[in-house]
């Protein structure tokens, strides 16, 4: 389930920045998805990274048991 906050109440992310270069097709898909969900492309990327890291943590914890 994707969490979406209204634009007005979304916090500004003052944390570290990273520059990422995407293949054109991936960039276009992120932008289309962002527009359809009325969020920024950056929000889509942060959400994807968060989900990836959670999945990695779950997988790592599963291997250590």
PDB file of N, CA and C in Angstrom:
ATOM      1  N   UNK A   1       0.841  -1.171   0.000  1.00  0.00           N
ATOM      2  CA  UNK A   1       0.000   0.000   0.000  1.00  0.00           C
ATOM      3  C   UNK A   1       0.889   1.238   0.000  1.00  0.00           C
ATOM      4  N   UNK A   2       0.622   2.137  -0.892  1.00  0.00           N
ATOM      5  CA  UNK A   2       1.419   3.354  -0.997  1.00  0.00           C
ATOM      6  C   UNK A   2       0.818   4.422  -0.094  1.00  0.00           C
ATOM      7  N   UNK A   3       1.675   5.001   0.748  1.00  0.00           N
ATOM      8  CA  UNK A   3       1.224   6.085   1.613  1.00  0.00           C
ATOM      9  C   UNK A   3       1.320   7.387   0.834  1.00  0.00           C
ATOM     10  N   UNK A   4       0.250   8.167   0.856  1.00  0.00           N
ATOM     11  CA  UNK A   4       0.286   9.453   0.180  1.00  0.00           C
ATOM     12  C   UNK A   4      -0.288  10.507   1.109  1.00  0.00           C
ATOM     13  N   UNK A   5       0.479  11.533   1.341  1.00  0.00           N
ATOM     14  CA  UNK A   5       0.005  12.653   2.142  1.00  0.00           C
ATOM     15  C   UNK A   5      -0.391  13.771   1.191  1.00  0.00           C
ATOM     16  N   UNK A   6      -1.367  14.577   1.571  1.00  0.00           N
ATOM     17  CA  UNK A   6      -1.704  15.729   0.737  1.00  0.00           C
ATOM     18  C   UNK A   6      -0.480  16.628   0.579  1.00  0.00           C
ATOM     19  N   UNK A   7      -0.371  17.288  -0.568  1.00  0.00           N
ATOM     20  CA  UNK A   7       0.795  18.110  -0.834  1.00  0.00           C
ATOM     21  C   UNK A   7       1.060  19.132   0.262  1.00  0.00           C
ATOM     22  N   UNK A   8       0.030  19.772   0.756  1.00  0.00           N
ATOM     23  CA  UNK A   8       0.216  20.835   1.739  1.00  0.00           C
ATOM     24  C   UNK A   8       0.818  20.327   3.047  1.00  0.00           C
ATOM     25  N   UNK A   9       0.563  19.069   3.399  1.00  0.00           N
ATOM     26  CA  UNK A   9       1.033  18.577   4.690  1.00  0.00           C
ATOM     27  C   UNK A   9       2.293  17.724   4.600  1.00  0.00           C
ATOM     28  N   UNK A  10       2.809  17.510   3.398  1.00  0.00           N
ATOM     29  CA  UNK A  10       4.027  16.706   3.274  1.00  0.00           C
ATOM     30  C   UNK A  10       5.203  17.460   3.859  1.00  0.00           C
ATOM     31  N   UNK A  11       5.996  16.783   4.670  1.00  0.00           N
ATOM     32  CA  UNK A  11       7.164  17.464   5.238  1.00  0.00           C
ATOM     33  C   UNK A  11       8.240  17.662   4.195  1.00  0.00           C
ATOM     34  N   UNK A  12       8.980  18.735   4.325  1.00  0.00           N
ATOM     35  CA  UNK A  12      10.145  18.931   3.465  1.00  0.00           C
ATOM     36  C   UNK A  12      11.249  18.029   3.987  1.00  0.00           C
ATOM     37  N   UNK A  13      11.930  17.361   3.101  1.00  0.00           N
ATOM     38  CA  UNK A  13      13.007  16.469   3.504  1.00  0.00           C
ATOM     39  C   UNK A  13      14.307  17.239   3.500  1.00  0.00           C
ATOM     40  N   UNK A  14      14.827  17.488   4.672  1.00  0.00           N
ATOM     41  CA  UNK A  14      16.038  18.280   4.805  1.00  0.00           C
ATOM     42  C   UNK A  14      17.273  17.397   4.961  1.00  0.00           C
ATOM     43  N   UNK A  15      17.142  16.140   4.681  1.00  0.00           N
ATOM     44  CA  UNK A  15      18.256  15.209   4.839  1.00  0.00           C
ATOM     45  C   UNK A  15      19.242  15.291   3.692  1.00  0.00           C
ATOM     46  N   UNK A  16      20.181  14.374   3.687  1.00  0.00           N
ATOM     47  CA  UNK A  16      21.194  14.345   2.635  1.00  0.00           C
ATOM     48  C   UNK A  16      20.555  14.152   1.261  1.00  0.00           C
ATOM     49  N   UNK A  17      21.244  14.632   0.254  1.00  0.00           N
ATOM     50  CA  UNK A  17      20.775  14.481  -1.125  1.00  0.00           C
ATOM     51  C   UNK A  17      21.681  13.512  -1.868  1.00  0.00           C
ATOM     52  N   UNK A  18      21.113  12.912  -2.892  1.00  0.00           N
ATOM     53  CA  UNK A  18      21.873  12.015  -3.752  1.00  0.00           C
ATOM     54  C   UNK A  18      21.419  12.276  -5.187  1.00  0.00           C
ATOM     55  N   UNK A  19      22.333  12.196  -6.115  1.00  0.00           N
ATOM     56  CA  UNK A  19      21.991  12.357  -7.523  1.00  0.00           C
ATOM     57  C   UNK A  19      21.970  10.981  -8.159  1.00  0.00           C
ATOM     58  N   UNK A  20      20.900  10.694  -8.876  1.00  0.00           N
ATOM     59  CA  UNK A  20      20.735   9.400  -9.516  1.00  0.00           C
ATOM     60  C   UNK A  20      20.424   9.627 -10.992  1.00  0.00           C
ATOM     61  N   UNK A  21      21.072   8.880 -11.854  1.00  0.00           N
ATOM     62  CA  UNK A  21      20.790   8.952 -13.284  1.00  0.00           C
ATOM     63  C   UNK A  21      20.011   7.709 -13.679  1.00  0.00           C
ATOM     64  N   UNK A  22      18.844   7.922 -14.304  1.00  0.00           N
ATOM     65  CA  UNK A  22      17.970   6.834 -14.732  1.00  0.00           C
ATOM     66  C   UNK A  22      18.033   6.669 -16.241  1.00  0.00           C
ATOM     67  N   UNK A  23      17.813   5.456 -16.720  1.00  0.00           N
ATOM     68  CA  UNK A  23      17.565   5.310 -18.155  1.00  0.00           C
ATOM     69  C   UNK A  23      16.305   6.122 -18.502  1.00  0.00           C
ATOM     70  N   UNK A  24      16.246   6.671 -19.698  1.00  0.00           N
ATOM     71  CA  UNK A  24      15.136   7.553 -20.076  1.00  0.00           C
ATOM     72  C   UNK A  24      13.772   6.910 -19.841  1.00  0.00           C
ATOM     73  N   UNK A  25      13.631   5.642 -20.185  1.00  0.00           N
ATOM     74  CA  UNK A  25      12.338   4.967 -20.019  1.00  0.00           C
ATOM     75  C   UNK A  25      11.901   4.889 -18.562  1.00  0.00           C
ATOM     76  N   UNK A  26      12.841   4.598 -17.671  1.00  0.00           N
ATOM     77  CA  UNK A  26      12.512   4.543 -16.240  1.00  0.00           C
ATOM     78  C   UNK A  26      12.127   5.922 -15.722  1.00  0.00           C
ATOM     79  N   UNK A  27      12.879   6.937 -16.150  1.00  0.00           N
ATOM     80  CA  UNK A  27      12.576   8.308 -15.728  1.00  0.00           C
ATOM     81  C   UNK A  27      11.170   8.698 -16.178  1.00  0.00           C
ATOM     82  N   UNK A  28      10.843   8.391 -17.427  1.00  0.00           N
ATOM     83  CA  UNK A  28       9.512   8.718 -17.950  1.00  0.00           C
ATOM     84  C   UNK A  28       8.422   8.014 -17.145  1.00  0.00           C
ATOM     85  N   UNK A  29       8.648   6.755 -16.809  1.00  0.00           N
ATOM     86  CA  UNK A  29       7.646   6.002 -16.044  1.00  0.00           C
ATOM     87  C   UNK A  29       7.474   6.572 -14.638  1.00  0.00           C
ATOM     88  N   UNK A  30       8.576   6.977 -14.003  1.00  0.00           N
ATOM     89  CA  UNK A  30       8.490   7.594 -12.673  1.00  0.00           C
ATOM     90  C   UNK A  30       7.685   8.888 -12.763  1.00  0.00           C
ATOM     91  N   UNK A  31       7.947   9.694 -13.772  1.00  0.00           N
ATOM     92  CA  UNK A  31       7.230  10.968 -13.926  1.00  0.00           C
ATOM     93  C   UNK A  31       5.740  10.761 -14.177  1.00  0.00           C
ATOM     94  N   UNK A  32       5.399   9.793 -15.010  1.00  0.00           N
ATOM     95  CA  UNK A  32       3.988   9.492 -15.276  1.00  0.00           C
ATOM     96  C   UNK A  32       3.302   9.025 -13.998  1.00  0.00           C
ATOM     97  N   UNK A  33       3.953   8.141 -13.267  1.00  0.00           N
ATOM     98  CA  UNK A  33       3.393   7.642 -12.014  1.00  0.00           C
ATOM     99  C   UNK A  33       3.211   8.777 -11.003  1.00  0.00           C
ATOM    100  N   UNK A  34       4.201   9.639 -10.907  1.00  0.00           N
ATOM    101  CA  UNK A  34       4.122  10.766  -9.976  1.00  0.00           C
ATOM    102  C   UNK A  34       2.945  11.678 -10.330  1.00  0.00           C
ATOM    103  N   UNK A  35       2.803  11.994 -11.595  1.00  0.00           N
ATOM    104  CA  UNK A  35       1.681  12.858 -12.016  1.00  0.00           C
ATOM    105  C   UNK A  35       0.345  12.193 -11.715  1.00  0.00           C
ATOM    106  N   UNK A  36       0.247  10.896 -11.975  1.00  0.00           N
ATOM    107  CA  UNK A  36      -1.032  10.215 -11.760  1.00  0.00           C
ATOM    108  C   UNK A  36      -1.400  10.147 -10.282  1.00  0.00           C
ATOM    109  N   UNK A  37      -0.384  10.126  -9.421  1.00  0.00           N
ATOM    110  CA  UNK A  37      -0.642  10.063  -7.974  1.00  0.00           C
ATOM    111  C   UNK A  37      -0.588  11.430  -7.304  1.00  0.00           C
ATOM    112  N   UNK A  38      -0.291  12.454  -8.108  1.00  0.00           N
ATOM    113  CA  UNK A  38      -0.225  13.838  -7.612  1.00  0.00           C
ATOM    114  C   UNK A  38       0.820  14.001  -6.507  1.00  0.00           C
ATOM    115  N   UNK A  39       1.983  13.397  -6.745  1.00  0.00           N
ATOM    116  CA  UNK A  39       3.128  13.540  -5.849  1.00  0.00           C
ATOM    117  C   UNK A  39       4.340  13.868  -6.725  1.00  0.00           C
ATOM    118  N   UNK A  40       5.446  14.182  -6.105  1.00  0.00           N
ATOM    119  CA  UNK A  40       6.653  14.481  -6.871  1.00  0.00           C
ATOM    120  C   UNK A  40       7.369  13.197  -7.285  1.00  0.00           C
ATOM    121  N   UNK A  41       8.201  13.319  -8.316  1.00  0.00           N
ATOM    122  CA  UNK A  41       9.037  12.188  -8.718  1.00  0.00           C
ATOM    123  C   UNK A  41       9.961  11.802  -7.575  1.00  0.00           C
ATOM    124  N   UNK A  42      10.448  12.786  -6.830  1.00  0.00           N
ATOM    125  CA  UNK A  42      11.315  12.498  -5.681  1.00  0.00           C
ATOM    126  C   UNK A  42      10.583  11.655  -4.646  1.00  0.00           C
ATOM    127  N   UNK A  43       9.305  11.925  -4.442  1.00  0.00           N
ATOM    128  CA  UNK A  43       8.518  11.149  -3.471  1.00  0.00           C
ATOM    129  C   UNK A  43       8.446   9.694  -3.915  1.00  0.00           C
ATOM    130  N   UNK A  44       8.216   9.476  -5.216  1.00  0.00           N
ATOM    131  CA  UNK A  44       8.150   8.115  -5.752  1.00  0.00           C
ATOM    132  C   UNK A  44       9.471   7.390  -5.497  1.00  0.00           C
ATOM    133  N   UNK A  45      10.581   8.064  -5.753  1.00  0.00           N
ATOM    134  CA  UNK A  45      11.900   7.444  -5.569  1.00  0.00           C
ATOM    135  C   UNK A  45      12.156   7.156  -4.093  1.00  0.00           C
ATOM    136  N   UNK A  46      11.862   8.120  -3.208  1.00  0.00           N
ATOM    137  CA  UNK A  46      12.059   7.882  -1.766  1.00  0.00           C
ATOM    138  C   UNK A  46      11.209   6.711  -1.292  1.00  0.00           C
ATOM    139  N   UNK A  47       9.963   6.647  -1.753  1.00  0.00           N
ATOM    140  CA  UNK A  47       9.070   5.560  -1.360  1.00  0.00           C
ATOM    141  C   UNK A  47       9.617   4.214  -1.843  1.00  0.00           C
ATOM    142  N   UNK A  48      10.109   4.179  -3.078  1.00  0.00           N
ATOM    143  CA  UNK A  48      10.673   2.934  -3.626  1.00  0.00           C
ATOM    144  C   UNK A  48      11.904   2.490  -2.849  1.00  0.00           C
ATOM    145  N   UNK A  49      12.776   3.430  -2.502  1.00  0.00           N
ATOM    146  CA  UNK A  49      13.984   3.089  -1.737  1.00  0.00           C
ATOM    147  C   UNK A  49      13.599   2.579  -0.358  1.00  0.00           C
ATOM    148  N   UNK A  50      12.641   3.242   0.280  1.00  0.00           N
ATOM    149  CA  UNK A  50      12.193   2.799   1.603  1.00  0.00           C
ATOM    150  C   UNK A  50      11.679   1.361   1.550  1.00  0.00           C
ATOM    151  N   UNK A  51      10.863   1.055   0.546  1.00  0.00           N
ATOM    152  CA  UNK A  51      10.324  -0.306   0.410  1.00  0.00           C
ATOM    153  C   UNK A  51      11.437  -1.312   0.120  1.00  0.00           C
ATOM    154  N   UNK A  52      12.390  -0.936  -0.702  1.00  0.00           N
ATOM    155  CA  UNK A  52      13.512  -1.819  -1.014  1.00  0.00           C
ATOM    156  C   UNK A  52      14.317  -2.124   0.243  1.00  0.00           C
ATOM    157  N   UNK A  53      14.608  -1.106   1.023  1.00  0.00           N
ATOM    158  CA  UNK A  53      15.396  -1.303   2.241  1.00  0.00           C
ATOM    159  C   UNK A  53      14.644  -2.145   3.262  1.00  0.00           C
ATOM    160  N   UNK A  54      13.333  -1.957   3.357  1.00  0.00           N
ATOM    161  CA  UNK A  54      12.534  -2.790   4.264  1.00  0.00           C
ATOM    162  C   UNK A  54      12.569  -4.249   3.825  1.00  0.00           C
ATOM    163  N   UNK A  55      12.464  -4.485   2.516  1.00  0.00           N
ATOM    164  CA  UNK A  55      12.503  -5.857   1.999  1.00  0.00           C
ATOM    165  C   UNK A  55      13.872  -6.483   2.250  1.00  0.00           C
ATOM    166  N   UNK A  56      14.932  -5.727   2.064  1.00  0.00           N
ATOM    167  CA  UNK A  56      16.281  -6.224   2.319  1.00  0.00           C
ATOM    168  C   UNK A  56      16.454  -6.581   3.791  1.00  0.00           C
ATOM    169  N   UNK A  57      15.936  -5.729   4.676  1.00  0.00           N
ATOM    170  CA  UNK A  57      16.049  -5.995   6.106  1.00  0.00           C
ATOM    171  C   UNK A  57      15.292  -7.265   6.469  1.00  0.00           C
ATOM    172  N   UNK A  58      14.105  -7.424   5.928  1.00  0.00           N
ATOM    173  CA  UNK A  58      13.307  -8.615   6.187  1.00  0.00           C
ATOM    174  C   UNK A  58      14.031  -9.858   5.693  1.00  0.00           C
ATOM    175  N   UNK A  59      14.623  -9.761   4.501  1.00  0.00           N
ATOM    176  CA  UNK A  59      15.352 -10.900   3.942  1.00  0.00           C
ATOM    177  C   UNK A  59      16.582 -11.229   4.785  1.00  0.00           C
ATOM    178  N   UNK A  60      17.291 -10.219   5.213  1.00  0.00           N
ATOM    179  CA  UNK A  60      18.487 -10.417   6.048  1.00  0.00           C
ATOM    180  C   UNK A  60      18.106 -11.042   7.376  1.00  0.00           C
ATOM    181  N   UNK A  61      17.041 -10.562   7.994  1.00  0.00           N
ATOM    182  CA  UNK A  61      16.586 -11.129   9.272  1.00  0.00           C
ATOM    183  C   UNK A  61      16.148 -12.578   9.087  1.00  0.00           C
ATOM    184  N   UNK A  62      15.540 -12.898   7.949  1.00  0.00           N
ATOM    185  CA  UNK A  62      15.118 -14.263   7.678  1.00  0.00           C
ATOM    186  C   UNK A  62      16.290 -15.218   7.526  1.00  0.00           C
ATOM    187  N   UNK A  63      17.395 -14.732   6.971  1.00  0.00           N
ATOM    188  CA  UNK A  63      18.575 -15.564   6.781  1.00  0.00           C
ATOM    189  C   UNK A  63      19.321 -15.817   8.097  1.00  0.00           C
ATOM    190  N   UNK A  64      19.195 -14.874   9.043  1.00  0.00           N
ATOM    191  CA  UNK A  64      19.937 -15.005  10.282  1.00  0.00           C
ATOM    192  C   UNK A  64      19.231 -15.904  11.305  1.00  0.00           C
ATOM    193  N   UNK A  65      18.049 -16.370  11.003  1.00  0.00           N
ATOM    194  CA  UNK A  65      17.287 -17.219  11.932  1.00  0.00           C
ATOM    195  C   UNK A  65      17.573 -18.667  11.692  1.00  0.00           C
TER     196      UNK A  65
END
